[in-house]
PDB file of N, CA and C in Angstrom:
ATOM      1  N   MET A   1       0.868  -1.174   0.000  1.00  0.00           N
ATOM      2  CA  MET A   1       0.000   0.000   0.000  1.00  0.00           C
ATOM      3  C   MET A   1       0.908   1.229   0.000  1.00  0.00           C
ATOM      4  N   ILE A   2       0.663   2.118  -0.963  1.00  0.00           N
ATOM      5  CA  ILE A   2       1.500   3.310  -1.128  1.00  0.00           C
ATOM      6  C   ILE A   2       0.654   4.555  -0.885  1.00  0.00           C
ATOM      7  N   PRO A   3       1.057   5.401   0.071  1.00  0.00           N
ATOM      8  CA  PRO A   3       0.333   6.661   0.266  1.00  0.00           C
ATOM      9  C   PRO A   3       0.621   7.609  -0.897  1.00  0.00           C
ATOM     10  N   VAL A   4      -0.428   8.268  -1.382  1.00  0.00           N
ATOM     11  CA  VAL A   4      -0.290   9.158  -2.537  1.00  0.00           C
ATOM     12  C   VAL A   4      -0.366  10.623  -2.108  1.00  0.00           C
ATOM     13  N   CYS A   5      -1.485  11.007  -1.523  1.00  0.00           N
ATOM     14  CA  CYS A   5      -1.717  12.381  -1.104  1.00  0.00           C
ATOM     15  C   CYS A   5      -2.998  12.442  -0.298  1.00  0.00           C
ATOM     16  N   ARG A   6      -3.294  13.588   0.253  1.00  0.00           N
ATOM     17  CA  ARG A   6      -4.585  13.787   0.910  1.00  0.00           C
ATOM     18  C   ARG A   6      -5.632  13.953  -0.193  1.00  0.00           C
ATOM     19  N   LEU A   7      -6.811  13.429   0.029  1.00  0.00           N
ATOM     20  CA  LEU A   7      -7.881  13.526  -0.965  1.00  0.00           C
ATOM     21  C   LEU A   7      -8.161  14.982  -1.316  1.00  0.00           C
ATOM     22  N   GLU A   8      -8.118  15.853  -0.355  1.00  0.00           N
ATOM     23  CA  GLU A   8      -8.376  17.279  -0.595  1.00  0.00           C
ATOM     24  C   GLU A   8      -7.310  17.930  -1.484  1.00  0.00           C
ATOM     25  N   ASP A   9      -6.142  17.287  -1.601  1.00  0.00           N
ATOM     26  CA  ASP A   9      -5.071  17.818  -2.446  1.00  0.00           C
ATOM     27  C   ASP A   9      -5.126  17.297  -3.879  1.00  0.00           C
ATOM     28  N   LEU A  10      -6.116  16.449  -4.176  1.00  0.00           N
ATOM     29  CA  LEU A  10      -6.302  15.918  -5.525  1.00  0.00           C
ATOM     30  C   LEU A  10      -7.708  16.283  -5.991  1.00  0.00           C
ATOM     31  N   PRO A  11      -7.864  17.485  -6.563  1.00  0.00           N
ATOM     32  CA  PRO A  11      -9.195  17.948  -6.972  1.00  0.00           C
ATOM     33  C   PRO A  11      -9.814  17.050  -8.042  1.00  0.00           C
ATOM     34  N   LYS A  12     -11.125  17.055  -8.112  1.00  0.00           N
ATOM     35  CA  LYS A  12     -11.829  16.326  -9.163  1.00  0.00           C
ATOM     36  C   LYS A  12     -11.348  16.814 -10.522  1.00  0.00           C
ATOM     37  N   GLY A  13     -11.188  15.867 -11.439  1.00  0.00           N
ATOM     38  CA  GLY A  13     -10.719  16.195 -12.781  1.00  0.00           C
ATOM     39  C   GLY A  13      -9.204  16.274 -12.894  1.00  0.00           C
ATOM     40  N   GLU A  14      -8.484  15.962 -11.806  1.00  0.00           N
ATOM     41  CA  GLU A  14      -7.020  16.065 -11.799  1.00  0.00           C
ATOM     42  C   GLU A  14      -6.387  14.694 -11.593  1.00  0.00           C
ATOM     43  N   SER A  15      -5.063  14.668 -11.749  1.00  0.00           N
ATOM     44  CA  SER A  15      -4.310  13.432 -11.544  1.00  0.00           C
ATOM     45  C   SER A  15      -3.055  13.716 -10.736  1.00  0.00           C
ATOM     46  N   ALA A  16      -2.500  12.654 -10.195  1.00  0.00           N
ATOM     47  CA  ALA A  16      -1.235  12.740  -9.467  1.00  0.00           C
ATOM     48  C   ALA A  16      -0.341  11.611  -9.950  1.00  0.00           C
ATOM     49  N   ARG A  17       0.938  11.893 -10.071  1.00  0.00           N
ATOM     50  CA  ARG A  17       1.908  10.874 -10.491  1.00  0.00           C
ATOM     51  C   ARG A  17       2.667  10.397  -9.260  1.00  0.00           C
ATOM     52  N   VAL A  18       2.741   9.083  -9.111  1.00  0.00           N
ATOM     53  CA  VAL A  18       3.466   8.478  -7.995  1.00  0.00           C
ATOM     54  C   VAL A  18       4.775   7.931  -8.563  1.00  0.00           C
ATOM     55  N   GLY A  19       5.889   8.344  -8.000  1.00  0.00           N
ATOM     56  CA  GLY A  19       7.207   7.990  -8.520  1.00  0.00           C
ATOM     57  C   GLY A  19       7.683   6.607  -8.129  1.00  0.00           C
ATOM     58  N   THR A  20       6.832   5.607  -8.262  1.00  0.00           N
ATOM     59  CA  THR A  20       7.231   4.229  -8.015  1.00  0.00           C
ATOM     60  C   THR A  20       7.917   3.695  -9.265  1.00  0.00           C
ATOM     61  N   THR A  21       8.366   2.443  -9.221  1.00  0.00           N
ATOM     62  CA  THR A  21       8.930   1.810 -10.398  1.00  0.00           C
ATOM     63  C   THR A  21       8.077   0.611 -10.744  1.00  0.00           C
ATOM     64  N   PRO A  22       7.299   0.628 -11.801  1.00  0.00           N
ATOM     65  CA  PRO A  22       7.071   1.759 -12.707  1.00  0.00           C
ATOM     66  C   PRO A  22       6.170   2.803 -12.056  1.00  0.00           C
ATOM     67  N   PRO A  23       6.163   4.026 -12.604  1.00  0.00           N
ATOM     68  CA  PRO A  23       5.316   5.091 -12.057  1.00  0.00           C
ATOM     69  C   PRO A  23       3.831   4.751 -12.180  1.00  0.00           C
ATOM     70  N   ILE A  24       3.045   5.291 -11.258  1.00  0.00           N
ATOM     71  CA  ILE A  24       1.598   5.083 -11.223  1.00  0.00           C
ATOM     72  C   ILE A  24       0.922   6.448 -11.380  1.00  0.00           C
ATOM     73  N   ALA A  25      -0.197   6.485 -12.095  1.00  0.00           N
ATOM     74  CA  ALA A  25      -1.011   7.696 -12.216  1.00  0.00           C
ATOM     75  C   ALA A  25      -2.313   7.467 -11.461  1.00  0.00           C
ATOM     76  N   VAL A  26      -2.665   8.410 -10.599  1.00  0.00           N
ATOM     77  CA  VAL A  26      -3.916   8.337  -9.844  1.00  0.00           C
ATOM     78  C   VAL A  26      -4.825   9.444 -10.360  1.00  0.00           C
ATOM     79  N   PHE A  27      -6.052   9.090 -10.713  1.00  0.00           N
ATOM     80  CA  PHE A  27      -7.007  10.038 -11.283  1.00  0.00           C
ATOM     81  C   PHE A  27      -8.211  10.194 -10.367  1.00  0.00           C
ATOM     82  N   HIS A  28      -8.669  11.427 -10.221  1.00  0.00           N
ATOM     83  CA  HIS A  28      -9.878  11.747  -9.465  1.00  0.00           C
ATOM     84  C   HIS A  28     -10.866  12.297 -10.483  1.00  0.00           C
ATOM     85  N   THR A  29     -11.847  11.495 -10.872  1.00  0.00           N
ATOM     86  CA  THR A  29     -12.773  11.902 -11.930  1.00  0.00           C
ATOM     87  C   THR A  29     -13.733  12.983 -11.449  1.00  0.00           C
ATOM     88  N   ASP A  30     -14.378  13.618 -12.401  1.00  0.00           N
ATOM     89  CA  ASP A  30     -15.372  14.646 -12.072  1.00  0.00           C
ATOM     90  C   ASP A  30     -16.518  14.075 -11.253  1.00  0.00           C
ATOM     91  N   ASP A  31     -16.763  12.760 -11.378  1.00  0.00           N
ATOM     92  CA  ASP A  31     -17.813  12.092 -10.603  1.00  0.00           C
ATOM     93  C   ASP A  31     -17.368  11.763  -9.183  1.00  0.00           C
ATOM     94  N   GLY A  32     -16.076  11.997  -8.880  1.00  0.00           N
ATOM     95  CA  GLY A  32     -15.555  11.735  -7.537  1.00  0.00           C
ATOM     96  C   GLY A  32     -14.938  10.366  -7.363  1.00  0.00           C
ATOM     97  N   ASP A  33     -14.845   9.582  -8.448  1.00  0.00           N
ATOM     98  CA  ASP A  33     -14.228   8.261  -8.364  1.00  0.00           C
ATOM     99  C   ASP A  33     -12.712   8.382  -8.464  1.00  0.00           C
ATOM    100  N   LEU A  34     -12.007   7.442  -7.838  1.00  0.00           N
ATOM    101  CA  LEU A  34     -10.548   7.399  -7.877  1.00  0.00           C
ATOM    102  C   LEU A  34     -10.098   6.138  -8.597  1.00  0.00           C
ATOM    103  N   TYR A  35      -9.133   6.296  -9.504  1.00  0.00           N
ATOM    104  CA  TYR A  35      -8.583   5.179 -10.258  1.00  0.00           C
ATOM    105  C   TYR A  35      -7.068   5.321 -10.312  1.00  0.00           C
ATOM    106  N   ALA A  36      -6.384   4.192 -10.397  1.00  0.00           N
ATOM    107  CA  ALA A  36      -4.927   4.201 -10.549  1.00  0.00           C
ATOM    108  C   ALA A  36      -4.541   3.222 -11.647  1.00  0.00           C
ATOM    109  N   ILE A  37      -3.647   3.667 -12.513  1.00  0.00           N
ATOM    110  CA  ILE A  37      -3.131   2.830 -13.596  1.00  0.00           C
ATOM    111  C   ILE A  37      -1.630   3.078 -13.704  1.00  0.00           C
ATOM    112  N   ASP A  38      -0.941   2.179 -14.391  1.00  0.00           N
ATOM    113  CA  ASP A  38       0.460   2.452 -14.692  1.00  0.00           C
ATOM    114  C   ASP A  38       0.516   3.748 -15.491  1.00  0.00           C
ATOM    115  N   ASP A  39       1.470   4.591 -15.167  1.00  0.00           N
ATOM    116  CA  ASP A  39       1.517   5.934 -15.743  1.00  0.00           C
ATOM    117  C   ASP A  39       2.024   5.977 -17.183  1.00  0.00           C
ATOM    118  N   THR A  40       2.726   4.968 -17.625  1.00  0.00           N
ATOM    119  CA  THR A  40       3.345   5.009 -18.947  1.00  0.00           C
ATOM    120  C   THR A  40       2.442   4.369 -19.996  1.00  0.00           C
ATOM    121  N   CYS A  41       2.166   5.107 -21.055  1.00  0.00           N
ATOM    122  CA  CYS A  41       1.361   4.615 -22.168  1.00  0.00           C
ATOM    123  C   CYS A  41       2.004   3.358 -22.741  1.00  0.00           C
ATOM    124  N   SER A  42       1.182   2.363 -23.054  1.00  0.00           N
ATOM    125  CA  SER A  42       1.707   1.107 -23.597  1.00  0.00           C
ATOM    126  C   SER A  42       2.121   1.229 -25.062  1.00  0.00           C
ATOM    127  N   HIS A  43       1.770   2.321 -25.715  1.00  0.00           N
ATOM    128  CA  HIS A  43       2.158   2.525 -27.110  1.00  0.00           C
ATOM    129  C   HIS A  43       3.553   3.112 -27.212  1.00  0.00           C
ATOM    130  N   GLN A  44       3.813   4.149 -26.429  1.00  0.00           N
ATOM    131  CA  GLN A  44       5.110   4.807 -26.456  1.00  0.00           C
ATOM    132  C   GLN A  44       5.314   5.510 -25.127  1.00  0.00           C
ATOM    133  N   ASP A  45       6.533   5.813 -24.799  1.00  0.00           N
ATOM    134  CA  ASP A  45       6.890   6.351 -23.487  1.00  0.00           C
ATOM    135  C   ASP A  45       6.324   7.753 -23.282  1.00  0.00           C
ATOM    136  N   ALA A  46       5.121   7.821 -22.708  1.00  0.00           N
ATOM    137  CA  ALA A  46       4.476   9.092 -22.395  1.00  0.00           C
ATOM    138  C   ALA A  46       3.747   8.941 -21.065  1.00  0.00           C
ATOM    139  N   SER A  47       3.721  10.004 -20.292  1.00  0.00           N
ATOM    140  CA  SER A  47       3.074   9.982 -18.979  1.00  0.00           C
ATOM    141  C   SER A  47       1.570  10.199 -19.118  1.00  0.00           C
ATOM    142  N   LEU A  48       0.789   9.199 -18.716  1.00  0.00           N
ATOM    143  CA  LEU A  48      -0.668   9.317 -18.804  1.00  0.00           C
ATOM    144  C   LEU A  48      -1.207  10.331 -17.800  1.00  0.00           C
ATOM    145  N   SER A  49      -0.482  10.574 -16.718  1.00  0.00           N
ATOM    146  CA  SER A  49      -0.941  11.580 -15.761  1.00  0.00           C
ATOM    147  C   SER A  49      -0.918  12.981 -16.370  1.00  0.00           C
ATOM    148  N   ASP A  50      -0.200  13.156 -17.487  1.00  0.00           N
ATOM    149  CA  ASP A  50      -0.186  14.430 -18.219  1.00  0.00           C
ATOM    150  C   ASP A  50      -1.278  14.475 -19.282  1.00  0.00           C
ATOM    151  N   GLY A  51      -2.053  13.398 -19.384  1.00  0.00           N
ATOM    152  CA  GLY A  51      -3.083  13.304 -20.418  1.00  0.00           C
ATOM    153  C   GLY A  51      -4.358  14.032 -20.045  1.00  0.00           C
ATOM    154  N   TRP A  52      -5.365  13.879 -20.905  1.00  0.00           N
ATOM    155  CA  TRP A  52      -6.650  14.554 -20.729  1.00  0.00           C
ATOM    156  C   TRP A  52      -7.658  13.567 -20.183  1.00  0.00           C
ATOM    157  N   LEU A  53      -8.284  13.938 -19.089  1.00  0.00           N
ATOM    158  CA  LEU A  53      -9.249  13.078 -18.408  1.00  0.00           C
ATOM    159  C   LEU A  53     -10.657  13.464 -18.822  1.00  0.00           C
ATOM    160  N   GLU A  54     -11.417  12.460 -19.273  1.00  0.00           N
ATOM    161  CA  GLU A  54     -12.816  12.680 -19.619  1.00  0.00           C
ATOM    162  C   GLU A  54     -13.615  11.473 -19.144  1.00  0.00           C
ATOM    163  N   GLY A  55     -14.405  11.662 -18.116  1.00  0.00           N
ATOM    164  CA  GLY A  55     -15.137  10.546 -17.526  1.00  0.00           C
ATOM    165  C   GLY A  55     -14.160   9.539 -16.970  1.00  0.00           C
ATOM    166  N   CYS A  56     -14.288   8.297 -17.421  1.00  0.00           N
ATOM    167  CA  CYS A  56     -13.395   7.223 -16.986  1.00  0.00           C
ATOM    168  C   CYS A  56     -12.317   6.912 -18.020  1.00  0.00           C
ATOM    169  N   LEU A  57     -12.061   7.862 -18.910  1.00  0.00           N
ATOM    170  CA  LEU A  57     -11.045   7.678 -19.940  1.00  0.00           C
ATOM    171  C   LEU A  57      -9.940   8.711 -19.777  1.00  0.00           C
ATOM    172  N   VAL A  58      -8.718   8.285 -20.080  1.00  0.00           N
ATOM    173  CA  VAL A  58      -7.607   9.231 -20.144  1.00  0.00           C
ATOM    174  C   VAL A  58      -6.983   9.103 -21.527  1.00  0.00           C
ATOM    175  N   GLU A  59      -6.717  10.255 -22.122  1.00  0.00           N
ATOM    176  CA  GLU A  59      -6.099  10.302 -23.448  1.00  0.00           C
ATOM    177  C   GLU A  59      -4.623  10.613 -23.297  1.00  0.00           C
ATOM    178  N   CYS A  60      -3.795   9.790 -23.894  1.00  0.00           N
ATOM    179  CA  CYS A  60      -2.356   9.982 -23.855  1.00  0.00           C
ATOM    180  C   CYS A  60      -1.996  11.304 -24.534  1.00  0.00           C
ATOM    181  N   PRO A  61      -1.100  12.093 -23.935  1.00  0.00           N
ATOM    182  CA  PRO A  61      -0.746  13.381 -24.517  1.00  0.00           C
ATOM    183  C   PRO A  61       0.145  13.283 -25.756  1.00  0.00           C
ATOM    184  N   LEU A  62       0.701  12.103 -26.025  1.00  0.00           N
ATOM    185  CA  LEU A  62       1.648  11.986 -27.131  1.00  0.00           C
ATOM    186  C   LEU A  62       0.977  11.663 -28.468  1.00  0.00           C
ATOM    187  N   HIS A  63       0.192  10.595 -28.524  1.00  0.00           N
ATOM    188  CA  HIS A  63      -0.428  10.186 -29.785  1.00  0.00           C
ATOM    189  C   HIS A  63      -1.932   9.966 -29.680  1.00  0.00           C
ATOM    190  N   ALA A  64      -2.555  10.443 -28.602  1.00  0.00           N
ATOM    191  CA  ALA A  64      -4.013  10.425 -28.422  1.00  0.00           C
ATOM    192  C   ALA A  64      -4.616   9.029 -28.240  1.00  0.00           C
ATOM    193  N   ALA A  65      -3.794   8.048 -27.851  1.00  0.00           N
ATOM    194  CA  ALA A  65      -4.373   6.756 -27.463  1.00  0.00           C
ATOM    195  C   ALA A  65      -5.194   7.008 -26.204  1.00  0.00           C
ATOM    196  N   SER A  66      -6.269   6.274 -26.048  1.00  0.00           N
ATOM    197  CA  SER A  66      -7.150   6.472 -24.901  1.00  0.00           C
ATOM    198  C   SER A  66      -7.261   5.167 -24.125  1.00  0.00           C
ATOM    199  N   PHE A  67      -7.301   5.268 -22.784  1.00  0.00           N
ATOM    200  CA  PHE A  67      -7.383   4.097 -21.921  1.00  0.00           C
ATOM    201  C   PHE A  67      -8.555   4.239 -20.971  1.00  0.00           C
ATOM    202  N   ASP A  68      -9.240   3.118 -20.738  1.00  0.00           N
ATOM    203  CA  ASP A  68     -10.323   3.065 -19.764  1.00  0.00           C
ATOM    204  C   ASP A  68      -9.693   2.884 -18.387  1.00  0.00           C
ATOM    205  N   LEU A  69      -9.926   3.823 -17.486  1.00  0.00           N
ATOM    206  CA  LEU A  69      -9.326   3.776 -16.154  1.00  0.00           C
ATOM    207  C   LEU A  69      -9.825   2.598 -15.335  1.00  0.00           C
ATOM    208  N   ARG A  70     -10.997   2.079 -15.659  1.00  0.00           N
ATOM    209  CA  ARG A  70     -11.562   0.964 -14.898  1.00  0.00           C
ATOM    210  C   ARG A  70     -10.905  -0.362 -15.239  1.00  0.00           C
ATOM    211  N   THR A  71     -10.464  -0.517 -16.485  1.00  0.00           N
ATOM    212  CA  THR A  71      -9.924  -1.797 -16.943  1.00  0.00           C
ATOM    213  C   THR A  71      -8.471  -1.718 -17.397  1.00  0.00           C
ATOM    214  N   GLY A  72      -8.004  -0.521 -17.740  1.00  0.00           N
ATOM    215  CA  GLY A  72      -6.666  -0.353 -18.289  1.00  0.00           C
ATOM    216  C   GLY A  72      -6.586  -0.630 -19.778  1.00  0.00           C
ATOM    217  N   ARG A  73      -7.688  -1.033 -20.367  1.00  0.00           N
ATOM    218  CA  ARG A  73      -7.682  -1.386 -21.794  1.00  0.00           C
ATOM    219  C   ARG A  73      -7.707  -0.142 -22.671  1.00  0.00           C
ATOM    220  N   PRO A  74      -6.963  -0.187 -23.780  1.00  0.00           N
ATOM    221  CA  PRO A  74      -7.026   0.926 -24.723  1.00  0.00           C
ATOM    222  C   PRO A  74      -8.378   0.936 -25.427  1.00  0.00           C
ATOM    223  N   THR A  75      -8.870   2.120 -25.712  1.00  0.00           N
ATOM    224  CA  THR A  75     -10.159   2.240 -26.387  1.00  0.00           C
ATOM    225  C   THR A  75     -10.000   2.667 -27.841  1.00  0.00           C
ATOM    226  N   CYS A  76      -8.774   2.989 -28.230  1.00  0.00           N
ATOM    227  CA  CYS A  76      -8.509   3.350 -29.625  1.00  0.00           C
ATOM    228  C   CYS A  76      -7.026   3.199 -29.917  1.00  0.00           C
ATOM    229  N   LEU A  77      -6.703   3.175 -31.186  1.00  0.00           N
ATOM    230  CA  LEU A  77      -5.315   3.117 -31.639  1.00  0.00           C
ATOM    231  C   LEU A  77      -4.649   4.476 -31.402  1.00  0.00           C
ATOM    232  N   PRO A  78      -3.355   4.529 -31.278  1.00  0.00           N
ATOM    233  CA  PRO A  78      -2.391   3.510 -31.656  1.00  0.00           C
ATOM    234  C   PRO A  78      -2.073   2.495 -30.553  1.00  0.00           C
ATOM    235  N   ALA A  79      -2.546   2.668 -29.336  1.00  0.00           N
ATOM    236  CA  ALA A  79      -2.266   1.695 -28.272  1.00  0.00           C
ATOM    237  C   ALA A  79      -3.043   0.411 -28.527  1.00  0.00           C
ATOM    238  N   ARG A  80      -2.379  -0.707 -28.303  1.00  0.00           N
ATOM    239  CA  ARG A  80      -3.011  -2.012 -28.466  1.00  0.00           C
ATOM    240  C   ARG A  80      -2.972  -2.827 -27.170  1.00  0.00           C
ATOM    241  N   ARG A  81      -2.004  -2.546 -26.318  1.00  0.00           N
ATOM    242  CA  ARG A  81      -1.844  -3.300 -25.078  1.00  0.00           C
ATOM    243  C   ARG A  81      -2.404  -2.509 -23.900  1.00  0.00           C
ATOM    244  N   PRO A  82      -3.017  -3.188 -22.939  1.00  0.00           N
ATOM    245  CA  PRO A  82      -3.543  -2.495 -21.759  1.00  0.00           C
ATOM    246  C   PRO A  82      -2.427  -2.067 -20.813  1.00  0.00           C
ATOM    247  N   VAL A  83      -2.765  -1.191 -19.915  1.00  0.00           N
ATOM    248  CA  VAL A  83      -1.884  -0.835 -18.804  1.00  0.00           C
ATOM    249  C   VAL A  83      -2.493  -1.465 -17.550  1.00  0.00           C
ATOM    250  N   ARG A  84      -1.655  -1.715 -16.556  1.00  0.00           N
ATOM    251  CA  ARG A  84      -2.165  -2.308 -15.314  1.00  0.00           C
ATOM    252  C   ARG A  84      -3.022  -1.305 -14.558  1.00  0.00           C
ATOM    253  N   THR A  85      -4.039  -1.824 -13.916  1.00  0.00           N
ATOM    254  CA  THR A  85      -4.856  -1.022 -13.011  1.00  0.00           C
ATOM    255  C   THR A  85      -4.511  -1.421 -11.586  1.00  0.00           C
ATOM    256  N   HIS A  86      -4.711  -0.491 -10.659  1.00  0.00           N
ATOM    257  CA  HIS A  86      -4.396  -0.725  -9.252  1.00  0.00           C
ATOM    258  C   HIS A  86      -5.569  -0.254  -8.406  1.00  0.00           C
ATOM    259  N   ARG A  87      -5.792  -0.933  -7.313  1.00  0.00           N
ATOM    260  CA  ARG A  87      -6.876  -0.569  -6.405  1.00  0.00           C
ATOM    261  C   ARG A  87      -6.496   0.687  -5.632  1.00  0.00           C
ATOM    262  N   VAL A  88      -7.487   1.554  -5.427  1.00  0.00           N
ATOM    263  CA  VAL A  88      -7.293   2.797  -4.674  1.00  0.00           C
ATOM    264  C   VAL A  88      -8.239   2.788  -3.485  1.00  0.00           C
ATOM    265  N   THR A  89      -7.711   3.179  -2.330  1.00  0.00           N
ATOM    266  CA  THR A  89      -8.543   3.331  -1.140  1.00  0.00           C
ATOM    267  C   THR A  89      -8.253   4.687  -0.507  1.00  0.00           C
ATOM    268  N   VAL A  90      -9.208   5.133   0.292  1.00  0.00           N
ATOM    269  CA  VAL A  90      -9.025   6.364   1.064  1.00  0.00           C
ATOM    270  C   VAL A  90      -9.229   5.996   2.525  1.00  0.00           C
ATOM    271  N   ASP A  91      -8.227   6.275   3.331  1.00  0.00           N
ATOM    272  CA  ASP A  91      -8.285   5.974   4.752  1.00  0.00           C
ATOM    273  C   ASP A  91      -7.974   7.242   5.530  1.00  0.00           C
ATOM    274  N   ASP A  92      -8.952   7.708   6.267  1.00  0.00           N
ATOM    275  CA  ASP A  92      -8.806   8.916   7.077  1.00  0.00           C
ATOM    276  C   ASP A  92      -8.345  10.111   6.215  1.00  0.00           C
ATOM    277  N   GLY A  93      -8.907  10.196   4.992  1.00  0.00           N
ATOM    278  CA  GLY A  93      -8.605  11.309   4.101  1.00  0.00           C
ATOM    279  C   GLY A  93      -7.337  11.156   3.289  1.00  0.00           C
ATOM    280  N   LEU A  94      -6.602  10.043   3.460  1.00  0.00           N
ATOM    281  CA  LEU A  94      -5.363   9.813   2.727  1.00  0.00           C
ATOM    282  C   LEU A  94      -5.596   8.784   1.623  1.00  0.00           C
ATOM    283  N   VAL A  95      -5.231   9.139   0.386  1.00  0.00           N
ATOM    284  CA  VAL A  95      -5.376   8.261  -0.778  1.00  0.00           C
ATOM    285  C   VAL A  95      -4.209   7.278  -0.801  1.00  0.00           C
ATOM    286  N   HIS A  96      -4.530   5.991  -0.957  1.00  0.00           N
ATOM    287  CA  HIS A  96      -3.518   4.940  -1.056  1.00  0.00           C
ATOM    288  C   HIS A  96      -3.724   4.145  -2.341  1.00  0.00           C
ATOM    289  N   VAL A  97      -2.624   3.677  -2.923  1.00  0.00           N
ATOM    290  CA  VAL A  97      -2.664   2.781  -4.074  1.00  0.00           C
ATOM    291  C   VAL A  97      -2.156   1.426  -3.621  1.00  0.00           C
ATOM    292  N   HIS A  98      -2.868   0.388  -4.020  1.00  0.00           N
ATOM    293  CA  HIS A  98      -2.481  -0.997  -3.740  1.00  0.00           C
ATOM    294  C   HIS A  98      -2.012  -1.593  -5.064  1.00  0.00           C
ATOM    295  N   LEU A  99      -0.726  -1.817  -5.201  1.00  0.00           N
ATOM    296  CA  LEU A  99      -0.151  -2.297  -6.451  1.00  0.00           C
ATOM    297  C   LEU A  99      -0.538  -3.736  -6.731  1.00  0.00           C
ATOM    298  N   VAL A 100      -0.797  -4.035  -8.013  1.00  0.00           N
ATOM    299  CA  VAL A 100      -1.000  -5.409  -8.444  1.00  0.00           C
ATOM    300  C   VAL A 100       0.339  -5.960  -8.901  1.00  0.00           C
ATOM    301  N   ALA A 101       0.470  -7.253  -8.844  1.00  0.00           N
ATOM    302  CA  ALA A 101       1.721  -7.890  -9.248  1.00  0.00           C
ATOM    303  C   ALA A 101       1.889  -7.823 -10.757  1.00  0.00           C
ATOM    304  N   GLU A 102       3.118  -7.775 -11.196  1.00  0.00           N
ATOM    305  CA  GLU A 102       3.436  -7.753 -12.633  1.00  0.00           C
ATOM    306  C   GLU A 102       2.839  -8.965 -13.330  1.00  0.00           C
ATOM    307  N   GLN A 103       2.873 -10.129 -12.678  1.00  0.00           N
ATOM    308  CA  GLN A 103       2.338 -11.353 -13.264  1.00  0.00           C
ATOM    309  C   GLN A 103       0.844 -11.226 -13.532  1.00  0.00           C
ATOM    310  N   ASP A 104       0.097 -10.592 -12.628  1.00  0.00           N
ATOM    311  CA  ASP A 104      -1.342 -10.419 -12.820  1.00  0.00           C
ATOM    312  C   ASP A 104      -1.624  -9.642 -14.098  1.00  0.00           C
ATOM    313  N   ALA A 105      -0.866  -8.588 -14.334  1.00  0.00           N
ATOM    314  CA  ALA A 105      -1.078  -7.767 -15.529  1.00  0.00           C
ATOM    315  C   ALA A 105      -0.716  -8.544 -16.786  1.00  0.00           C
ATOM    316  N   THR A 106       0.354  -9.337 -16.732  1.00  0.00           N
ATOM    317  CA  THR A 106       0.764 -10.127 -17.887  1.00  0.00           C
ATOM    318  C   THR A 106      -0.306 -11.150 -18.245  1.00  0.00           C
ATOM    319  N   GLU A 107      -0.894 -11.800 -17.225  1.00  0.00           N
ATOM    320  CA  GLU A 107      -1.940 -12.776 -17.485  1.00  0.00           C
ATOM    321  C   GLU A 107      -3.161 -12.108 -18.104  1.00  0.00           C
ATOM    322  N   ASP A 108      -3.537 -10.910 -17.618  1.00  0.00           N
ATOM    323  CA  ASP A 108      -4.665 -10.187 -18.192  1.00  0.00           C
ATOM    324  C   ASP A 108      -4.412  -9.867 -19.658  1.00  0.00           C
ATOM    325  N   ALA A 109      -3.200  -9.410 -19.990  1.00  0.00           N
ATOM    326  CA  ALA A 109      -2.870  -9.058 -21.368  1.00  0.00           C
ATOM    327  C   ALA A 109      -2.895 -10.315 -22.242  1.00  0.00           C
ATOM    328  N   PHE A 110      -2.389 -11.438 -21.703  1.00  0.00           N
ATOM    329  CA  PHE A 110      -2.384 -12.681 -22.464  1.00  0.00           C
ATOM    330  C   PHE A 110      -3.806 -13.136 -22.769  1.00  0.00           C
ATOM    331  N   GLU A 111      -4.688 -13.059 -21.770  1.00  0.00           N
ATOM    332  CA  GLU A 111      -6.065 -13.472 -21.976  1.00  0.00           C
ATOM    333  C   GLU A 111      -6.728 -12.615 -23.040  1.00  0.00           C
ATOM    334  N   GLU A 112      -6.421 -11.300 -23.037  1.00  0.00           N
ATOM    335  CA  GLU A 112      -7.021 -10.398 -24.020  1.00  0.00           C
ATOM    336  C   GLU A 112      -6.502 -10.729 -25.414  1.00  0.00           C
ATOM    337  N   ASP A 113      -5.179 -10.982 -25.551  1.00  0.00           N
ATOM    338  CA  ASP A 113      -4.607 -11.297 -26.853  1.00  0.00           C
ATOM    339  C   ASP A 113      -5.151 -12.629 -27.375  1.00  0.00           C
ATOM    340  N   SER A 114      -5.367 -13.608 -26.484  1.00  0.00           N
ATOM    341  CA  SER A 114      -5.873 -14.911 -26.881  1.00  0.00           C
ATOM    342  C   SER A 114      -7.303 -14.832 -27.400  1.00  0.00           C
ATOM    343  N   ALA A 115      -8.072 -13.900 -26.859  1.00  0.00           N
ATOM    344  CA  ALA A 115      -9.474 -13.763 -27.263  1.00  0.00           C
ATOM    345  C   ALA A 115      -9.619 -13.094 -28.616  1.00  0.00           C
ATOM    346  N   ALA A 116      -8.590 -12.389 -29.050  1.00  0.00           N
ATOM    347  CA  ALA A 116      -8.662 -11.633 -30.315  1.00  0.00           C
ATOM    348  C   ALA A 116      -8.575 -12.530 -31.529  1.00  0.00           C
TER     349      ALA A 116
END
């Protein structure tokens, strides 16, 4: 569990970048939901926390690939591979990210590729 920031310091419609390895992006949607995904676009090395947030989607600032924050799956080209999603909790006003294992993300990507 990684502390990110106080909820009051992450306004709705904004994101925060967590300097883990790999980096994580935490998003606070206009609806008040919190999501965390790997910060690096799966298409090319770009920070998704610098992207544009619309609902539950974030658009990569480099080539406009879009990812669903709920699943990590790309919703349009040029990205084809998903990014990992991470569970977010708020405890006593502090936002925390719970990292998923690298193996979990690899299995999810494999299952998606197999279904195609």
